[in-house]
Amino acid sequence: MQNLLVHLPQIEREHTIEAVKRLYLQRLRHGNIIIQGPVSALTEEVILTQAIVDAVDFAYRELPERMSAFQARLQRYEHLLRRLHLSDAAVEEIATHRHAAARILGWSSVALLLSLPAAVGWLHWRLPTRLVEAGAARFIDPHKRKAQAPHARMLAGLVIYGAFFALYAGCAYRWLGLPFAGWYALALPVTGSVGHYYLKEFARLTGSARTASVLLRAPLAKRRVLRLRAALLRDIESIRTAYRSTLKPGYILATAAGD
């Protein structure tokens, strides 16, 4: 466990380290020369994060002027993201995908089109879903929660969803007649599924819609964000090259492994 702890040299550098990790960890994974051999995803992230921490510590110590310029640029970049209500993940998508604007506009269109059926499904199935969760929890042995939870939810769902489905269809038949009740009954499972997956993907859908609005309203801001991000990545690459030149072969791997 001690070998898998990330050691921060100074707590005030944590923000810079997190920013570098957010901007560069995926690239470090793809161009990995640190880890040789199969390791778990968690172990890989811990080792690469420690490599980032060591490189940032080196830059603060040996390249203070370059780190000062990097931090100033990072502040401008993060301020612009906050002002535009954009995440770095959205900017990454814009920067790395050729047709990012079309993809984002597509996701926002999907969010808009599915909002009404999702709302209908959520309103119909919210109460039975809560009852299923409550009913399943009541009959699950706390010591066997993992094993029993799926079966308990399935059995409770068959009873509770079936009862509510029959209730909804019966009310529609009584008040609006057979043709409407038939179509209504067929739509219930569909809108329920749409509502379920819409909620699961809601953050992604709303993020796409927000990004699309920025792309349409502020193309100059988009170019400025991309320029700042590209400059930050060049800074990181430059510092990484300088840091690697100071290391002996196998140093990072040996340090990460605790040798």
C-alpha atoms as a PDB file:
ATOM      1  CA  MET A   1       0.000   0.000   0.000  1.00  0.00           C
ATOM      2  CA  GLN A   2       2.852   2.400   0.835  1.00  0.00           C
ATOM      3  CA  ASN A   3       4.306   1.915  -2.651  1.00  0.00           C
ATOM      4  CA  LEU A   4       0.985   2.958  -4.238  1.00  0.00           C
ATOM      5  CA  LEU A   5       0.631   6.237  -2.338  1.00  0.00           C
ATOM      6  CA  VAL A   6       1.097   9.454  -4.300  1.00  0.00           C
ATOM      7  CA  HIS A   7       3.485  11.762  -2.435  1.00  0.00           C
ATOM      8  CA  LEU A   8       2.888  15.521  -2.857  1.00  0.00           C
ATOM      9  CA  PRO A   9       6.052  17.558  -2.158  1.00  0.00           C
ATOM     10  CA  GLN A  10       4.085  20.695  -1.221  1.00  0.00           C
ATOM     11  CA  ILE A  11       0.337  20.885  -0.744  1.00  0.00           C
ATOM     12  CA  GLU A  12       0.099  24.270  -2.533  1.00  0.00           C
ATOM     13  CA  ARG A  13       1.195  22.580  -5.752  1.00  0.00           C
ATOM     14  CA  GLU A  14      -1.794  20.261  -5.707  1.00  0.00           C
ATOM     15  CA  HIS A  15      -3.852  22.447  -8.060  1.00  0.00           C
ATOM     16  CA  THR A  16      -1.089  22.539 -10.674  1.00  0.00           C
ATOM     17  CA  ILE A  17      -0.633  18.770 -10.416  1.00  0.00           C
ATOM     18  CA  GLU A  18      -4.364  18.147 -10.829  1.00  0.00           C
ATOM     19  CA  ALA A  19      -4.463  20.459 -13.851  1.00  0.00           C
ATOM     20  CA  VAL A  20      -1.508  18.707 -15.502  1.00  0.00           C
ATOM     21  CA  LYS A  21      -3.093  15.331 -14.775  1.00  0.00           C
ATOM     22  CA  ARG A  22      -6.406  16.453 -16.280  1.00  0.00           C
ATOM     23  CA  LEU A  23      -4.715  17.824 -19.381  1.00  0.00           C
ATOM     24  CA  TYR A  24      -2.027  15.214 -19.920  1.00  0.00           C
ATOM     25  CA  LEU A  25      -2.766  11.874 -18.253  1.00  0.00           C
ATOM     26  CA  GLN A  26      -4.357  10.292 -21.338  1.00  0.00           C
ATOM     27  CA  ARG A  27      -1.431  11.340 -23.516  1.00  0.00           C
ATOM     28  CA  LEU A  28       0.966   9.947 -20.915  1.00  0.00           C
ATOM     29  CA  ARG A  29      -0.930   6.643 -21.028  1.00  0.00           C
ATOM     30  CA  HIS A  30      -0.727   6.427 -24.814  1.00  0.00           C
ATOM     31  CA  GLY A  31       2.966   7.307 -24.937  1.00  0.00           C
ATOM     32  CA  ASN A  32       3.838   5.340 -21.834  1.00  0.00           C
ATOM     33  CA  ILE A  33       7.510   4.482 -21.309  1.00  0.00           C
ATOM     34  CA  ILE A  34       7.215   4.362 -17.527  1.00  0.00           C
ATOM     35  CA  ILE A  35       5.286   1.143 -16.952  1.00  0.00           C
ATOM     36  CA  GLN A  36       6.500  -2.045 -18.564  1.00  0.00           C
ATOM     37  CA  GLY A  37       4.346  -5.100 -18.113  1.00  0.00           C
ATOM     38  CA  PRO A  38       0.680  -5.604 -17.252  1.00  0.00           C
ATOM     39  CA  VAL A  39      -0.725  -3.695 -14.287  1.00  0.00           C
ATOM     40  CA  SER A  40      -4.243  -2.813 -13.181  1.00  0.00           C
ATOM     41  CA  ALA A  41      -5.813   0.458 -14.347  1.00  0.00           C
ATOM     42  CA  LEU A  42      -5.705   1.832 -10.799  1.00  0.00           C
ATOM     43  CA  THR A  43      -2.022   0.962 -10.342  1.00  0.00           C
ATOM     44  CA  GLU A  44      -1.214   2.509 -13.719  1.00  0.00           C
ATOM     45  CA  GLU A  45      -2.957   5.750 -12.769  1.00  0.00           C
ATOM     46  CA  VAL A  46      -1.180   5.919  -9.405  1.00  0.00           C
ATOM     47  CA  ILE A  47       2.265   5.376 -10.978  1.00  0.00           C
ATOM     48  CA  LEU A  48       1.666   7.901 -13.768  1.00  0.00           C
ATOM     49  CA  THR A  49       0.281  10.424 -11.271  1.00  0.00           C
ATOM     50  CA  GLN A  50       3.418  10.058  -9.166  1.00  0.00           C
ATOM     51  CA  ALA A  51       5.495  10.662 -12.302  1.00  0.00           C
ATOM     52  CA  ILE A  52       3.519  13.886 -12.889  1.00  0.00           C
ATOM     53  CA  VAL A  53       4.090  14.932  -9.267  1.00  0.00           C
ATOM     54  CA  ASP A  54       7.842  14.344  -9.608  1.00  0.00           C
ATOM     55  CA  ALA A  55       7.998  16.284 -12.893  1.00  0.00           C
ATOM     56  CA  VAL A  56       6.073  19.233 -11.440  1.00  0.00           C
ATOM     57  CA  ASP A  57       8.372  19.250  -8.400  1.00  0.00           C
ATOM     58  CA  PHE A  58      11.385  19.290 -10.723  1.00  0.00           C
ATOM     59  CA  ALA A  59       9.906  22.179 -12.738  1.00  0.00           C
ATOM     60  CA  TYR A  60       9.197  24.272  -9.632  1.00  0.00           C
ATOM     61  CA  ARG A  61      12.725  23.669  -8.413  1.00  0.00           C
ATOM     62  CA  GLU A  62      14.755  23.890 -11.621  1.00  0.00           C
ATOM     63  CA  LEU A  63      12.554  25.850 -14.065  1.00  0.00           C
ATOM     64  CA  PRO A  64      10.777  28.482 -11.928  1.00  0.00           C
ATOM     65  CA  GLU A  65      10.321  31.007 -14.747  1.00  0.00           C
ATOM     66  CA  ARG A  66       8.757  28.444 -17.072  1.00  0.00           C
ATOM     67  CA  MET A  67       6.481  27.240 -14.273  1.00  0.00           C
ATOM     68  CA  SER A  68       5.447  30.805 -13.529  1.00  0.00           C
ATOM     69  CA  ALA A  69       4.516  31.327 -17.202  1.00  0.00           C
ATOM     70  CA  PHE A  70       2.689  27.992 -17.226  1.00  0.00           C
ATOM     71  CA  GLN A  71       0.660  28.897 -14.154  1.00  0.00           C
ATOM     72  CA  ALA A  72      -0.284  32.295 -15.596  1.00  0.00           C
ATOM     73  CA  ARG A  73      -1.470  30.626 -18.810  1.00  0.00           C
ATOM     74  CA  LEU A  74      -3.309  27.970 -16.808  1.00  0.00           C
ATOM     75  CA  GLN A  75      -5.134  30.668 -14.826  1.00  0.00           C
ATOM     76  CA  ARG A  76      -6.261  32.377 -18.049  1.00  0.00           C
ATOM     77  CA  TYR A  77      -7.410  29.052 -19.493  1.00  0.00           C
ATOM     78  CA  GLU A  78      -9.392  28.039 -16.404  1.00  0.00           C
ATOM     79  CA  HIS A  79     -10.910  31.520 -16.075  1.00  0.00           C
ATOM     80  CA  LEU A  80     -12.090  31.337 -19.691  1.00  0.00           C
ATOM     81  CA  LEU A  81     -13.577  27.875 -19.142  1.00  0.00           C
ATOM     82  CA  ARG A  82     -15.501  29.150 -16.107  1.00  0.00           C
ATOM     83  CA  ARG A  83     -16.738  32.192 -17.997  1.00  0.00           C
ATOM     84  CA  LEU A  84     -17.954  30.036 -20.894  1.00  0.00           C
ATOM     85  CA  HIS A  85     -19.301  27.293 -18.578  1.00  0.00           C
ATOM     86  CA  LEU A  86     -17.218  24.669 -20.388  1.00  0.00           C
ATOM     87  CA  SER A  87     -15.400  21.647 -19.021  1.00  0.00           C
ATOM     88  CA  ASP A  88     -11.921  20.617 -20.065  1.00  0.00           C
ATOM     89  CA  ALA A  89     -13.423  17.332 -21.324  1.00  0.00           C
ATOM     90  CA  ALA A  90     -15.605  19.298 -23.777  1.00  0.00           C
ATOM     91  CA  VAL A  91     -12.581  21.263 -24.996  1.00  0.00           C
ATOM     92  CA  GLU A  92     -10.657  17.989 -25.365  1.00  0.00           C
ATOM     93  CA  GLU A  93     -13.437  16.621 -27.573  1.00  0.00           C
ATOM     94  CA  ILE A  94     -13.426  19.765 -29.708  1.00  0.00           C
ATOM     95  CA  ALA A  95      -9.625  19.638 -30.019  1.00  0.00           C
ATOM     96  CA  THR A  96      -9.217  15.933 -30.799  1.00  0.00           C
ATOM     97  CA  HIS A  97     -12.258  15.070 -32.938  1.00  0.00           C
ATOM     98  CA  ARG A  98     -12.414  16.275 -36.474  1.00  0.00           C
ATOM     99  CA  HIS A  99     -16.174  16.637 -36.535  1.00  0.00           C
ATOM    100  CA  ALA A 100     -16.580  17.588 -32.873  1.00  0.00           C
ATOM    101  CA  ALA A 101     -18.987  20.442 -33.600  1.00  0.00           C
ATOM    102  CA  ALA A 102     -21.306  18.120 -35.553  1.00  0.00           C
ATOM    103  CA  ARG A 103     -21.102  15.476 -32.794  1.00  0.00           C
ATOM    104  CA  ILE A 104     -21.891  17.986 -30.072  1.00  0.00           C
ATOM    105  CA  LEU A 105     -24.744  19.523 -32.045  1.00  0.00           C
ATOM    106  CA  GLY A 106     -26.051  16.003 -32.648  1.00  0.00           C
ATOM    107  CA  TRP A 107     -26.018  15.178 -28.934  1.00  0.00           C
ATOM    108  CA  SER A 108     -27.762  18.438 -28.081  1.00  0.00           C
ATOM    109  CA  SER A 109     -30.428  17.722 -30.718  1.00  0.00           C
ATOM    110  CA  VAL A 110     -30.948  14.261 -29.204  1.00  0.00           C
ATOM    111  CA  ALA A 111     -31.291  15.851 -25.756  1.00  0.00           C
ATOM    112  CA  LEU A 112     -33.957  18.225 -27.051  1.00  0.00           C
ATOM    113  CA  LEU A 113     -35.920  15.602 -28.982  1.00  0.00           C
ATOM    114  CA  LEU A 114     -35.957  13.081 -26.152  1.00  0.00           C
ATOM    115  CA  SER A 115     -36.763  15.526 -23.357  1.00  0.00           C
ATOM    116  CA  LEU A 116     -40.571  15.160 -23.690  1.00  0.00           C
ATOM    117  CA  PRO A 117     -40.771  11.320 -23.810  1.00  0.00           C
ATOM    118  CA  ALA A 118     -38.143  11.180 -21.056  1.00  0.00           C
ATOM    119  CA  ALA A 119     -40.264  13.465 -18.870  1.00  0.00           C
ATOM    120  CA  VAL A 120     -43.363  11.326 -19.539  1.00  0.00           C
ATOM    121  CA  GLY A 121     -41.466   8.159 -18.661  1.00  0.00           C
ATOM    122  CA  TRP A 122     -39.962   9.680 -15.521  1.00  0.00           C
ATOM    123  CA  LEU A 123     -43.366  10.883 -14.261  1.00  0.00           C
ATOM    124  CA  HIS A 124     -44.978   7.460 -14.817  1.00  0.00           C
ATOM    125  CA  TRP A 125     -42.201   5.288 -13.426  1.00  0.00           C
ATOM    126  CA  ARG A 126     -40.668   7.395 -10.666  1.00  0.00           C
ATOM    127  CA  LEU A 127     -43.055   6.222  -7.932  1.00  0.00           C
ATOM    128  CA  PRO A 128     -42.914   2.493  -8.797  1.00  0.00           C
ATOM    129  CA  THR A 129     -39.126   2.697  -9.055  1.00  0.00           C
ATOM    130  CA  ARG A 130     -38.918   4.133  -5.547  1.00  0.00           C
ATOM    131  CA  LEU A 131     -41.238   1.385  -4.311  1.00  0.00           C
ATOM    132  CA  VAL A 132     -39.111  -1.294  -5.992  1.00  0.00           C
ATOM    133  CA  GLU A 133     -35.981   0.025  -4.267  1.00  0.00           C
ATOM    134  CA  ALA A 134     -37.733   0.238  -0.904  1.00  0.00           C
ATOM    135  CA  GLY A 135     -39.311  -3.203  -1.267  1.00  0.00           C
ATOM    136  CA  ALA A 136     -36.060  -4.847  -2.346  1.00  0.00           C
ATOM    137  CA  ALA A 137     -34.138  -3.248   0.535  1.00  0.00           C
ATOM    138  CA  ARG A 138     -36.677  -4.536   3.036  1.00  0.00           C
ATOM    139  CA  PHE A 139     -36.188  -8.196   2.103  1.00  0.00           C
ATOM    140  CA  ILE A 140     -32.416  -8.170   1.537  1.00  0.00           C
ATOM    141  CA  ASP A 141     -30.152  -9.674   4.173  1.00  0.00           C
ATOM    142  CA  PRO A 142     -27.601  -6.916   4.961  1.00  0.00           C
ATOM    143  CA  HIS A 143     -24.815  -9.532   5.039  1.00  0.00           C
ATOM    144  CA  LYS A 144     -25.703 -10.824   1.548  1.00  0.00           C
ATOM    145  CA  ARG A 145     -26.596  -7.525  -0.140  1.00  0.00           C
ATOM    146  CA  LYS A 146     -24.451  -8.020  -3.257  1.00  0.00           C
ATOM    147  CA  ALA A 147     -25.763 -11.480  -4.001  1.00  0.00           C
ATOM    148  CA  GLN A 148     -29.410 -10.852  -3.209  1.00  0.00           C
ATOM    149  CA  ALA A 149     -29.962  -7.289  -4.480  1.00  0.00           C
ATOM    150  CA  PRO A 150     -30.364  -8.075  -8.236  1.00  0.00           C
ATOM    151  CA  HIS A 151     -32.811 -10.936  -7.583  1.00  0.00           C
ATOM    152  CA  ALA A 152     -34.777  -8.942  -5.027  1.00  0.00           C
ATOM    153  CA  ARG A 153     -35.104  -5.978  -7.406  1.00  0.00           C
ATOM    154  CA  MET A 154     -36.173  -8.254 -10.256  1.00  0.00           C
ATOM    155  CA  LEU A 155     -38.903  -9.935  -8.201  1.00  0.00           C
ATOM    156  CA  ALA A 156     -40.111  -6.661  -6.676  1.00  0.00           C
ATOM    157  CA  GLY A 157     -40.070  -5.058 -10.126  1.00  0.00           C
ATOM    158  CA  LEU A 158     -42.231  -7.788 -11.652  1.00  0.00           C
ATOM    159  CA  VAL A 159     -44.902  -7.227  -9.022  1.00  0.00           C
ATOM    160  CA  ILE A 160     -44.776  -3.447  -8.606  1.00  0.00           C
ATOM    161  CA  TYR A 161     -44.186  -2.435 -12.234  1.00  0.00           C
ATOM    162  CA  GLY A 162     -46.827  -4.924 -13.351  1.00  0.00           C
ATOM    163  CA  ALA A 163     -49.365  -3.482 -10.912  1.00  0.00           C
ATOM    164  CA  PHE A 164     -48.679   0.118 -11.952  1.00  0.00           C
ATOM    165  CA  PHE A 165     -48.721  -0.790 -15.647  1.00  0.00           C
ATOM    166  CA  ALA A 166     -52.146  -2.398 -15.216  1.00  0.00           C
ATOM    167  CA  LEU A 167     -53.363   0.604 -13.210  1.00  0.00           C
ATOM    168  CA  TYR A 168     -52.229   3.121 -15.845  1.00  0.00           C
ATOM    169  CA  ALA A 169     -53.693   1.105 -18.721  1.00  0.00           C
ATOM    170  CA  GLY A 170     -56.970   0.527 -16.839  1.00  0.00           C
ATOM    171  CA  CYS A 171     -57.397   4.257 -16.133  1.00  0.00           C
ATOM    172  CA  ALA A 172     -56.715   5.129 -19.774  1.00  0.00           C
ATOM    173  CA  TYR A 173     -59.237   2.526 -20.948  1.00  0.00           C
ATOM    174  CA  ARG A 174     -61.918   3.749 -18.555  1.00  0.00           C
ATOM    175  CA  TRP A 175     -61.555   7.456 -19.315  1.00  0.00           C
ATOM    176  CA  LEU A 176     -60.388   7.531 -22.972  1.00  0.00           C
ATOM    177  CA  GLY A 177     -61.481   4.253 -24.560  1.00  0.00           C
ATOM    178  CA  LEU A 178     -59.778   1.292 -26.178  1.00  0.00           C
ATOM    179  CA  PRO A 179     -57.789   2.746 -29.101  1.00  0.00           C
ATOM    180  CA  PHE A 180     -56.033   5.358 -26.987  1.00  0.00           C
ATOM    181  CA  ALA A 181     -55.497   2.929 -24.101  1.00  0.00           C
ATOM    182  CA  GLY A 182     -53.819   0.445 -26.437  1.00  0.00           C
ATOM    183  CA  TRP A 183     -51.346   2.983 -27.815  1.00  0.00           C
ATOM    184  CA  TYR A 184     -50.806   4.382 -24.334  1.00  0.00           C
ATOM    185  CA  ALA A 185     -49.982   0.916 -22.978  1.00  0.00           C
ATOM    186  CA  LEU A 186     -47.500   0.313 -25.804  1.00  0.00           C
ATOM    187  CA  ALA A 187     -45.821   3.675 -25.152  1.00  0.00           C
ATOM    188  CA  LEU A 188     -45.341   3.143 -21.413  1.00  0.00           C
ATOM    189  CA  PRO A 189     -42.347   0.740 -21.583  1.00  0.00           C
ATOM    190  CA  VAL A 190     -40.718   2.845 -24.311  1.00  0.00           C
ATOM    191  CA  THR A 191     -41.013   6.151 -22.458  1.00  0.00           C
ATOM    192  CA  GLY A 192     -39.913   4.439 -19.241  1.00  0.00           C
ATOM    193  CA  SER A 193     -36.710   3.200 -20.903  1.00  0.00           C
ATOM    194  CA  VAL A 194     -36.080   6.600 -22.493  1.00  0.00           C
ATOM    195  CA  GLY A 195     -36.549   8.321 -19.139  1.00  0.00           C
ATOM    196  CA  HIS A 196     -34.198   5.890 -17.391  1.00  0.00           C
ATOM    197  CA  TYR A 197     -31.338   6.282 -19.887  1.00  0.00           C
ATOM    198  CA  TYR A 198     -31.966  10.012 -20.300  1.00  0.00           C
ATOM    199  CA  LEU A 199     -31.350  10.542 -16.579  1.00  0.00           C
ATOM    200  CA  LYS A 200     -28.214   8.400 -16.723  1.00  0.00           C
ATOM    201  CA  GLU A 201     -26.855  10.465 -19.630  1.00  0.00           C
ATOM    202  CA  PHE A 202     -28.338  13.785 -18.498  1.00  0.00           C
ATOM    203  CA  ALA A 203     -25.018  15.366 -17.535  1.00  0.00           C
ATOM    204  CA  ARG A 204     -23.498  14.387 -20.858  1.00  0.00           C
ATOM    205  CA  LEU A 205     -26.509  15.614 -22.840  1.00  0.00           C
ATOM    206  CA  THR A 206     -26.728  18.954 -21.044  1.00  0.00           C
ATOM    207  CA  GLY A 207     -22.960  19.381 -21.312  1.00  0.00           C
ATOM    208  CA  SER A 208     -23.176  18.799 -25.057  1.00  0.00           C
ATOM    209  CA  ALA A 209     -26.027  21.305 -25.361  1.00  0.00           C
ATOM    210  CA  ARG A 210     -24.044  23.912 -23.399  1.00  0.00           C
ATOM    211  CA  THR A 211     -20.931  23.328 -25.501  1.00  0.00           C
ATOM    212  CA  ALA A 212     -22.962  23.568 -28.713  1.00  0.00           C
ATOM    213  CA  SER A 213     -24.399  26.910 -27.619  1.00  0.00           C
ATOM    214  CA  VAL A 214     -20.874  28.233 -26.966  1.00  0.00           C
ATOM    215  CA  LEU A 215     -19.658  27.026 -30.369  1.00  0.00           C
ATOM    216  CA  LEU A 216     -22.555  28.779 -32.079  1.00  0.00           C
ATOM    217  CA  ARG A 217     -22.470  32.001 -30.033  1.00  0.00           C
ATOM    218  CA  ALA A 218     -18.754  32.538 -29.527  1.00  0.00           C
ATOM    219  CA  PRO A 219     -16.530  31.067 -32.263  1.00  0.00           C
ATOM    220  CA  LEU A 220     -13.726  33.499 -31.325  1.00  0.00           C
ATOM    221  CA  ALA A 221     -13.811  32.267 -27.721  1.00  0.00           C
ATOM    222  CA  LYS A 222     -13.598  28.695 -29.016  1.00  0.00           C
ATOM    223  CA  ARG A 223     -10.420  29.503 -30.956  1.00  0.00           C
ATOM    224  CA  ARG A 224      -8.933  31.258 -27.937  1.00  0.00           C
ATOM    225  CA  VAL A 225      -9.654  28.274 -25.667  1.00  0.00           C
ATOM    226  CA  LEU A 226      -8.075  25.875 -28.160  1.00  0.00           C
ATOM    227  CA  ARG A 227      -4.988  28.083 -28.521  1.00  0.00           C
ATOM    228  CA  LEU A 228      -4.543  28.309 -24.749  1.00  0.00           C
ATOM    229  CA  ARG A 229      -4.970  24.559 -24.326  1.00  0.00           C
ATOM    230  CA  ALA A 230      -2.484  23.807 -27.112  1.00  0.00           C
ATOM    231  CA  ALA A 231       0.032  26.186 -25.498  1.00  0.00           C
ATOM    232  CA  LEU A 232      -0.399  24.463 -22.122  1.00  0.00           C
ATOM    233  CA  LEU A 233       0.228  21.077 -23.716  1.00  0.00           C
ATOM    234  CA  ARG A 234       3.374  22.417 -25.398  1.00  0.00           C
ATOM    235  CA  ASP A 235       4.569  23.705 -22.025  1.00  0.00           C
ATOM    236  CA  ILE A 236       3.960  20.306 -20.427  1.00  0.00           C
ATOM    237  CA  GLU A 237       5.780  18.518 -23.259  1.00  0.00           C
ATOM    238  CA  SER A 238       8.741  20.896 -22.940  1.00  0.00           C
ATOM    239  CA  ILE A 239       8.988  20.416 -19.169  1.00  0.00           C
ATOM    240  CA  ARG A 240       8.550  16.662 -19.541  1.00  0.00           C
ATOM    241  CA  THR A 241      11.463  16.540 -22.020  1.00  0.00           C
ATOM    242  CA  ALA A 242      13.669  18.555 -19.664  1.00  0.00           C
ATOM    243  CA  TYR A 243      12.717  16.337 -16.728  1.00  0.00           C
ATOM    244  CA  ARG A 244      13.351  13.072 -18.585  1.00  0.00           C
ATOM    245  CA  SER A 245      16.848  14.226 -19.518  1.00  0.00           C
ATOM    246  CA  THR A 246      17.746  14.298 -15.816  1.00  0.00           C
ATOM    247  CA  LEU A 247      16.668  10.713 -15.091  1.00  0.00           C
ATOM    248  CA  LYS A 248      18.721   7.564 -15.169  1.00  0.00           C
ATOM    249  CA  PRO A 249      17.316   4.658 -17.224  1.00  0.00           C
ATOM    250  CA  GLY A 250      14.646   2.798 -15.248  1.00  0.00           C
ATOM    251  CA  TYR A 251      14.542   5.410 -12.475  1.00  0.00           C
ATOM    252  CA  ILE A 252      10.811   6.127 -12.607  1.00  0.00           C
ATOM    253  CA  LEU A 253       9.847   2.474 -12.890  1.00  0.00           C
ATOM    254  CA  ALA A 254      12.110   1.515 -10.002  1.00  0.00           C
ATOM    255  CA  THR A 255      10.778   4.359  -7.845  1.00  0.00           C
ATOM    256  CA  ALA A 256       7.154   3.466  -8.625  1.00  0.00           C
ATOM    257  CA  ALA A 257       7.786  -0.154  -7.757  1.00  0.00           C
ATOM    258  CA  GLY A 258       9.420   0.815  -4.476  1.00  0.00           C
ATOM    259  CA  ASP A 259      12.860  -0.645  -5.306  1.00  0.00           C
END
